[in-house]
Amino acid sequence: MKCCSVVKGGLRVHLIPKIAHSQIARAIGEKQIGQRVDCNEPSDDFRMMVVRHPLDRIVSAYSFFCKERTNLPFNDGMRVLGYKRDMTFSDFLDHVLEHHEENVHTARQVLFKGNQEIDLLVPVEKLNDVWPDVAKRFNLSNLEEKHANRSTHNHWEDYYSEVERDIAELVFKEDLDLYNLAQERYNG
C-alpha cells in the first residue's frame, strides 16, 4: 500500500480513510485543485494529519461495510479479502487482525504518515476546533456539516471483549501511540 497526501497551496494533508477523509478532501477542493503525491516526498509544505483511536476506526469500518451498506454494492476490495455483510464484530476483528494491511480502511494509520514529520497532528474529535485556522491560513473551504461516509455505531469500547481489546491494542500499538501523541500535542 502506497501512502499519499493531498497538496494545495503549501498545505500537505495526509488523509486516512475512515478519519474524515472525504470531508477534508472536499474542503481542500481535491477534485478541482488538490494534487495527490507520495506522502514520503520531501517538501517544505506544512504537513497535517488527522488520526483516530485505532480501535474506534476498526468499529467504524465494521459498521460502515458490514452493517450500513446493505443496500449498496459491497466494497469489492473488502469482499475479496473475506469480509462479509452481517458478519459479527468478533469475526470482523479476527479478520482485521490478520489482514489489516491489505485494505486502506483497516491499514495502520502510521503507514499514512510516511517518513516525514507532521507539523499538525490532530485527534479527529478536535478537527472542527483546528480547521477554521487551517482553512484561513491556506485559503480553504470550511468543513461541511454532513459527513459523506460517516458510520453510526455505539461507542467503540462496547464492541470489544477484554481479550480482543488487548490483542487489537498490541497489533495497532504504533497507531495508538500516534493517537496518544496527537492528544498530548493538542492538549499540551
C-alpha atoms as a PDB file:
ATOM      1  CA  MET A   1       0.000   0.000   0.000  1.00  0.00           C
ATOM      2  CA  LYS A   2       1.389   3.364  -1.029  1.00  0.00           C
ATOM      3  CA  CYS A   3       0.695   6.369   1.176  1.00  0.00           C
ATOM      4  CA  CYS A   4      -0.327   9.612  -0.410  1.00  0.00           C
ATOM      5  CA  SER A   5      -1.141  13.102   0.678  1.00  0.00           C
ATOM      6  CA  VAL A   6      -3.170  15.906  -0.832  1.00  0.00           C
ATOM      7  CA  VAL A   7      -1.347  19.147  -1.525  1.00  0.00           C
ATOM      8  CA  LYS A   8      -2.764  22.616  -2.001  1.00  0.00           C
ATOM      9  CA  GLY A   9      -1.043  25.956  -1.619  1.00  0.00           C
ATOM     10  CA  GLY A  10       1.657  24.920   0.829  1.00  0.00           C
ATOM     11  CA  LEU A  11      -0.520  22.519   2.823  1.00  0.00           C
ATOM     12  CA  ARG A  12       0.001  18.786   2.613  1.00  0.00           C
ATOM     13  CA  VAL A  13      -2.671  16.682   4.319  1.00  0.00           C
ATOM     14  CA  HIS A  14      -2.022  13.012   4.951  1.00  0.00           C
ATOM     15  CA  LEU A  15      -5.557  11.628   4.513  1.00  0.00           C
ATOM     16  CA  ILE A  16      -6.671   8.334   6.060  1.00  0.00           C
ATOM     17  CA  PRO A  17      -9.903   6.509   5.175  1.00  0.00           C
ATOM     18  CA  LYS A  18     -12.497   6.431   7.992  1.00  0.00           C
ATOM     19  CA  ILE A  19     -10.971   9.568   9.537  1.00  0.00           C
ATOM     20  CA  ALA A  20     -12.883  12.480   7.962  1.00  0.00           C
ATOM     21  CA  HIS A  21     -11.113  11.663   4.682  1.00  0.00           C
ATOM     22  CA  SER A  22     -13.899  12.761   2.301  1.00  0.00           C
ATOM     23  CA  GLN A  23     -14.827  15.786   4.371  1.00  0.00           C
ATOM     24  CA  ILE A  24     -11.256  17.114   4.384  1.00  0.00           C
ATOM     25  CA  ALA A  25     -10.706  16.310   0.694  1.00  0.00           C
ATOM     26  CA  ARG A  26     -13.817  18.310  -0.242  1.00  0.00           C
ATOM     27  CA  ALA A  27     -12.736  21.274   1.906  1.00  0.00           C
ATOM     28  CA  ILE A  28      -9.340  21.263   0.201  1.00  0.00           C
ATOM     29  CA  GLY A  29     -11.039  21.075  -3.184  1.00  0.00           C
ATOM     30  CA  GLU A  30      -9.165  17.921  -4.064  1.00  0.00           C
ATOM     31  CA  LYS A  31     -11.308  17.148  -7.099  1.00  0.00           C
ATOM     32  CA  GLN A  32     -10.548  20.506  -8.708  1.00  0.00           C
ATOM     33  CA  ILE A  33      -7.389  21.827  -7.079  1.00  0.00           C
ATOM     34  CA  GLY A  34      -5.649  19.384  -4.779  1.00  0.00           C
ATOM     35  CA  GLN A  35      -2.926  17.134  -6.032  1.00  0.00           C
ATOM     36  CA  ARG A  36      -2.166  13.679  -4.628  1.00  0.00           C
ATOM     37  CA  VAL A  37       1.503  12.963  -4.075  1.00  0.00           C
ATOM     38  CA  ASP A  38       3.555  10.355  -2.288  1.00  0.00           C
ATOM     39  CA  CYS A  39       3.474  11.190   1.433  1.00  0.00           C
ATOM     40  CA  ASN A  40       7.188  10.369   1.714  1.00  0.00           C
ATOM     41  CA  GLU A  41       8.147  13.046  -0.807  1.00  0.00           C
ATOM     42  CA  PRO A  42      10.241  15.710   0.931  1.00  0.00           C
ATOM     43  CA  SER A  43       8.874  19.247   0.777  1.00  0.00           C
ATOM     44  CA  ASP A  44       8.635  22.469   2.707  1.00  0.00           C
ATOM     45  CA  ASP A  45       4.842  22.140   2.826  1.00  0.00           C
ATOM     46  CA  PHE A  46       3.048  22.404   6.151  1.00  0.00           C
ATOM     47  CA  ARG A  47       2.011  18.818   6.929  1.00  0.00           C
ATOM     48  CA  MET A  48      -1.218  17.968   8.687  1.00  0.00           C
ATOM     49  CA  MET A  49      -2.628  14.604   9.677  1.00  0.00           C
ATOM     50  CA  VAL A  50      -5.845  13.724  11.488  1.00  0.00           C
ATOM     51  CA  VAL A  51      -5.767  10.495  13.496  1.00  0.00           C
ATOM     52  CA  ARG A  52      -8.353   8.403  15.284  1.00  0.00           C
ATOM     53  CA  HIS A  53      -8.200   5.900  18.098  1.00  0.00           C
ATOM     54  CA  PRO A  54      -7.340   2.752  16.119  1.00  0.00           C
ATOM     55  CA  LEU A  55      -9.931   0.558  17.819  1.00  0.00           C
ATOM     56  CA  ASP A  56     -12.618   3.152  17.107  1.00  0.00           C
ATOM     57  CA  ARG A  57     -11.575   3.195  13.448  1.00  0.00           C
ATOM     58  CA  ILE A  58     -11.987  -0.595  13.249  1.00  0.00           C
ATOM     59  CA  VAL A  59     -15.513  -0.331  14.662  1.00  0.00           C
ATOM     60  CA  SER A  60     -16.282   2.405  12.141  1.00  0.00           C
ATOM     61  CA  ALA A  61     -15.099   0.238   9.241  1.00  0.00           C
ATOM     62  CA  TYR A  62     -17.120  -2.694  10.575  1.00  0.00           C
ATOM     63  CA  SER A  63     -20.265  -0.621  10.921  1.00  0.00           C
ATOM     64  CA  PHE A  64     -19.866   1.011   7.519  1.00  0.00           C
ATOM     65  CA  PHE A  65     -19.018  -2.072   5.472  1.00  0.00           C
ATOM     66  CA  CYS A  66     -20.835  -4.862   7.307  1.00  0.00           C
ATOM     67  CA  LYS A  67     -23.943  -3.178   8.712  1.00  0.00           C
ATOM     68  CA  GLU A  68     -24.793   0.052   6.895  1.00  0.00           C
ATOM     69  CA  ARG A  69     -24.068  -0.570   3.235  1.00  0.00           C
ATOM     70  CA  THR A  70     -26.630  -3.341   2.891  1.00  0.00           C
ATOM     71  CA  ASN A  71     -28.482  -1.633   0.017  1.00  0.00           C
ATOM     72  CA  LEU A  72     -25.287  -0.722  -1.870  1.00  0.00           C
ATOM     73  CA  PRO A  73     -22.840  -2.976  -3.659  1.00  0.00           C
ATOM     74  CA  PHE A  74     -20.440  -4.364  -1.094  1.00  0.00           C
ATOM     75  CA  ASN A  75     -16.973  -2.908  -1.449  1.00  0.00           C
ATOM     76  CA  ASP A  76     -15.281  -5.407  -3.768  1.00  0.00           C
ATOM     77  CA  GLY A  77     -11.940  -4.930  -2.071  1.00  0.00           C
ATOM     78  CA  MET A  78     -13.469  -5.904   1.260  1.00  0.00           C
ATOM     79  CA  ARG A  79     -15.349  -8.909  -0.174  1.00  0.00           C
ATOM     80  CA  VAL A  80     -12.247 -10.243  -1.929  1.00  0.00           C
ATOM     81  CA  LEU A  81     -10.428 -10.126   1.407  1.00  0.00           C
ATOM     82  CA  GLY A  82     -13.096 -12.278   3.056  1.00  0.00           C
ATOM     83  CA  TYR A  83     -15.210  -9.634   4.777  1.00  0.00           C
ATOM     84  CA  LYS A  84     -18.952 -10.229   4.585  1.00  0.00           C
ATOM     85  CA  ARG A  85     -22.102  -8.269   5.209  1.00  0.00           C
ATOM     86  CA  ASP A  86     -23.644  -9.038   8.572  1.00  0.00           C
ATOM     87  CA  MET A  87     -20.585 -10.848   9.915  1.00  0.00           C
ATOM     88  CA  THR A  88     -20.196 -10.492  13.676  1.00  0.00           C
ATOM     89  CA  PHE A  89     -17.811  -7.906  15.043  1.00  0.00           C
ATOM     90  CA  SER A  90     -15.644 -10.656  16.554  1.00  0.00           C
ATOM     91  CA  ASP A  91     -15.320 -12.335  13.148  1.00  0.00           C
ATOM     92  CA  PHE A  92     -14.580  -8.978  11.506  1.00  0.00           C
ATOM     93  CA  LEU A  93     -11.942  -8.172  14.133  1.00  0.00           C
ATOM     94  CA  ASP A  94     -10.272 -11.584  13.767  1.00  0.00           C
ATOM     95  CA  HIS A  95     -10.041 -10.953  10.038  1.00  0.00           C
ATOM     96  CA  VAL A  96      -8.743  -7.386  10.506  1.00  0.00           C
ATOM     97  CA  LEU A  97      -6.054  -8.533  12.914  1.00  0.00           C
ATOM     98  CA  GLU A  98      -4.770 -10.980  10.312  1.00  0.00           C
ATOM     99  CA  HIS A  99      -5.306  -8.933   7.124  1.00  0.00           C
ATOM    100  CA  HIS A 100      -5.282  -5.272   8.216  1.00  0.00           C
ATOM    101  CA  GLU A 101      -2.551  -4.177   5.794  1.00  0.00           C
ATOM    102  CA  GLU A 102      -4.488  -5.456   2.767  1.00  0.00           C
ATOM    103  CA  ASN A 103      -7.096  -2.671   2.686  1.00  0.00           C
ATOM    104  CA  VAL A 104      -6.797   1.089   3.204  1.00  0.00           C
ATOM    105  CA  HIS A 105      -9.803   1.097   5.552  1.00  0.00           C
ATOM    106  CA  THR A 106      -8.078  -1.192   8.048  1.00  0.00           C
ATOM    107  CA  ALA A 107      -4.385  -0.494   7.401  1.00  0.00           C
ATOM    108  CA  ARG A 108      -2.391   1.034  10.220  1.00  0.00           C
ATOM    109  CA  GLN A 109      -2.522   4.840  10.336  1.00  0.00           C
ATOM    110  CA  VAL A 110       1.253   5.122  10.727  1.00  0.00           C
ATOM    111  CA  LEU A 111       1.560   3.929   7.123  1.00  0.00           C
ATOM    112  CA  PHE A 112      -0.260   7.080   6.002  1.00  0.00           C
ATOM    113  CA  LYS A 113       2.162   9.241   7.977  1.00  0.00           C
ATOM    114  CA  GLY A 114       5.091   8.132   5.915  1.00  0.00           C
ATOM    115  CA  ASN A 115       8.629   9.082   6.843  1.00  0.00           C
ATOM    116  CA  GLN A 116       8.151  12.857   7.135  1.00  0.00           C
ATOM    117  CA  GLU A 117       7.497  14.913  10.256  1.00  0.00           C
ATOM    118  CA  ILE A 118       3.906  16.049  10.742  1.00  0.00           C
ATOM    119  CA  ASP A 119       3.540  19.712  11.742  1.00  0.00           C
ATOM    120  CA  LEU A 120      -0.070  19.463  12.907  1.00  0.00           C
ATOM    121  CA  LEU A 121      -1.186  16.103  14.295  1.00  0.00           C
ATOM    122  CA  VAL A 122      -4.853  16.325  15.255  1.00  0.00           C
ATOM    123  CA  PRO A 123      -7.134  13.825  17.012  1.00  0.00           C
ATOM    124  CA  VAL A 124     -10.261  13.524  14.858  1.00  0.00           C
ATOM    125  CA  GLU A 125     -12.513  14.698  17.682  1.00  0.00           C
ATOM    126  CA  LYS A 126     -10.641  18.052  17.658  1.00  0.00           C
ATOM    127  CA  LEU A 127     -10.730  18.571  13.872  1.00  0.00           C
ATOM    128  CA  ASN A 128     -13.584  21.094  13.994  1.00  0.00           C
ATOM    129  CA  ASP A 129     -11.628  23.126  16.570  1.00  0.00           C
ATOM    130  CA  VAL A 130      -8.479  23.466  14.446  1.00  0.00           C
ATOM    131  CA  TRP A 131      -9.908  23.535  10.927  1.00  0.00           C
ATOM    132  CA  PRO A 132     -11.017  27.213  10.899  1.00  0.00           C
ATOM    133  CA  ASP A 133      -7.400  28.343  11.458  1.00  0.00           C
ATOM    134  CA  VAL A 134      -6.083  25.890   8.845  1.00  0.00           C
ATOM    135  CA  ALA A 135      -8.751  26.985   6.350  1.00  0.00           C
ATOM    136  CA  LYS A 136      -7.954  30.653   6.892  1.00  0.00           C
ATOM    137  CA  ARG A 137      -4.183  30.159   6.663  1.00  0.00           C
ATOM    138  CA  PHE A 138      -4.373  28.132   3.424  1.00  0.00           C
ATOM    139  CA  ASN A 139      -7.480  29.713   1.862  1.00  0.00           C
ATOM    140  CA  LEU A 140      -9.606  26.562   2.074  1.00  0.00           C
ATOM    141  CA  SER A 141     -13.310  25.915   2.459  1.00  0.00           C
ATOM    142  CA  ASN A 142     -14.957  25.215   5.778  1.00  0.00           C
ATOM    143  CA  LEU A 143     -15.682  21.620   6.649  1.00  0.00           C
ATOM    144  CA  GLU A 144     -19.148  20.507   5.660  1.00  0.00           C
ATOM    145  CA  GLU A 145     -21.502  19.646   8.497  1.00  0.00           C
ATOM    146  CA  LYS A 146     -22.584  16.431   6.791  1.00  0.00           C
ATOM    147  CA  HIS A 147     -20.065  13.612   6.660  1.00  0.00           C
ATOM    148  CA  ALA A 148     -20.244  11.673   3.390  1.00  0.00           C
ATOM    149  CA  ASN A 149     -19.217   8.271   4.710  1.00  0.00           C
ATOM    150  CA  ARG A 150     -19.927   8.572   8.405  1.00  0.00           C
ATOM    151  CA  SER A 151     -20.861   5.338  10.112  1.00  0.00           C
ATOM    152  CA  THR A 152     -23.237   5.125  13.031  1.00  0.00           C
ATOM    153  CA  HIS A 153     -22.469   2.830  15.914  1.00  0.00           C
ATOM    154  CA  ASN A 154     -22.241   2.630  19.678  1.00  0.00           C
ATOM    155  CA  HIS A 155     -19.094   3.692  21.494  1.00  0.00           C
ATOM    156  CA  TRP A 156     -16.210   1.589  20.243  1.00  0.00           C
ATOM    157  CA  GLU A 157     -15.410   0.144  23.681  1.00  0.00           C
ATOM    158  CA  ASP A 158     -18.794  -1.632  23.659  1.00  0.00           C
ATOM    159  CA  TYR A 159     -17.643  -3.906  20.812  1.00  0.00           C
ATOM    160  CA  TYR A 160     -14.523  -5.461  22.321  1.00  0.00           C
ATOM    161  CA  SER A 161     -14.095  -8.133  24.931  1.00  0.00           C
ATOM    162  CA  GLU A 162     -11.145  -7.522  27.243  1.00  0.00           C
ATOM    163  CA  VAL A 163      -9.074 -10.128  25.393  1.00  0.00           C
ATOM    164  CA  GLU A 164      -9.988  -8.705  21.957  1.00  0.00           C
ATOM    165  CA  ARG A 165      -9.084  -5.217  23.091  1.00  0.00           C
ATOM    166  CA  ASP A 166      -5.703  -6.339  24.460  1.00  0.00           C
ATOM    167  CA  ILE A 167      -4.838  -8.132  21.204  1.00  0.00           C
ATOM    168  CA  ALA A 168      -6.025  -5.260  18.983  1.00  0.00           C
ATOM    169  CA  GLU A 169      -4.055  -2.741  21.047  1.00  0.00           C
ATOM    170  CA  LEU A 170      -0.912  -4.835  20.536  1.00  0.00           C
ATOM    171  CA  VAL A 171      -1.433  -5.126  16.776  1.00  0.00           C
ATOM    172  CA  PHE A 172      -2.205  -1.410  16.444  1.00  0.00           C
ATOM    173  CA  LYS A 173       0.278  -0.219  19.093  1.00  0.00           C
ATOM    174  CA  GLU A 174       2.006   2.255  16.758  1.00  0.00           C
ATOM    175  CA  ASP A 175      -1.361   3.773  15.844  1.00  0.00           C
ATOM    176  CA  LEU A 176      -2.318   4.002  19.493  1.00  0.00           C
ATOM    177  CA  ASP A 177       0.998   5.743  20.203  1.00  0.00           C
ATOM    178  CA  LEU A 178       0.352   8.151  17.307  1.00  0.00           C
ATOM    179  CA  TYR A 179      -3.158   8.899  18.578  1.00  0.00           C
ATOM    180  CA  ASN A 180      -1.866   9.481  22.120  1.00  0.00           C
ATOM    181  CA  LEU A 181       0.807  11.815  20.739  1.00  0.00           C
ATOM    182  CA  ALA A 182      -1.913  13.778  18.911  1.00  0.00           C
ATOM    183  CA  GLN A 183      -3.867  14.030  22.162  1.00  0.00           C
ATOM    184  CA  GLU A 184      -0.764  15.255  24.017  1.00  0.00           C
ATOM    185  CA  ARG A 185       0.075  17.847  21.359  1.00  0.00           C
ATOM    186  CA  TYR A 186      -3.466  19.143  21.229  1.00  0.00           C
ATOM    187  CA  ASN A 187      -3.973  19.237  24.992  1.00  0.00           C
ATOM    188  CA  GLY A 188      -0.355  20.131  25.772  1.00  0.00           C
END
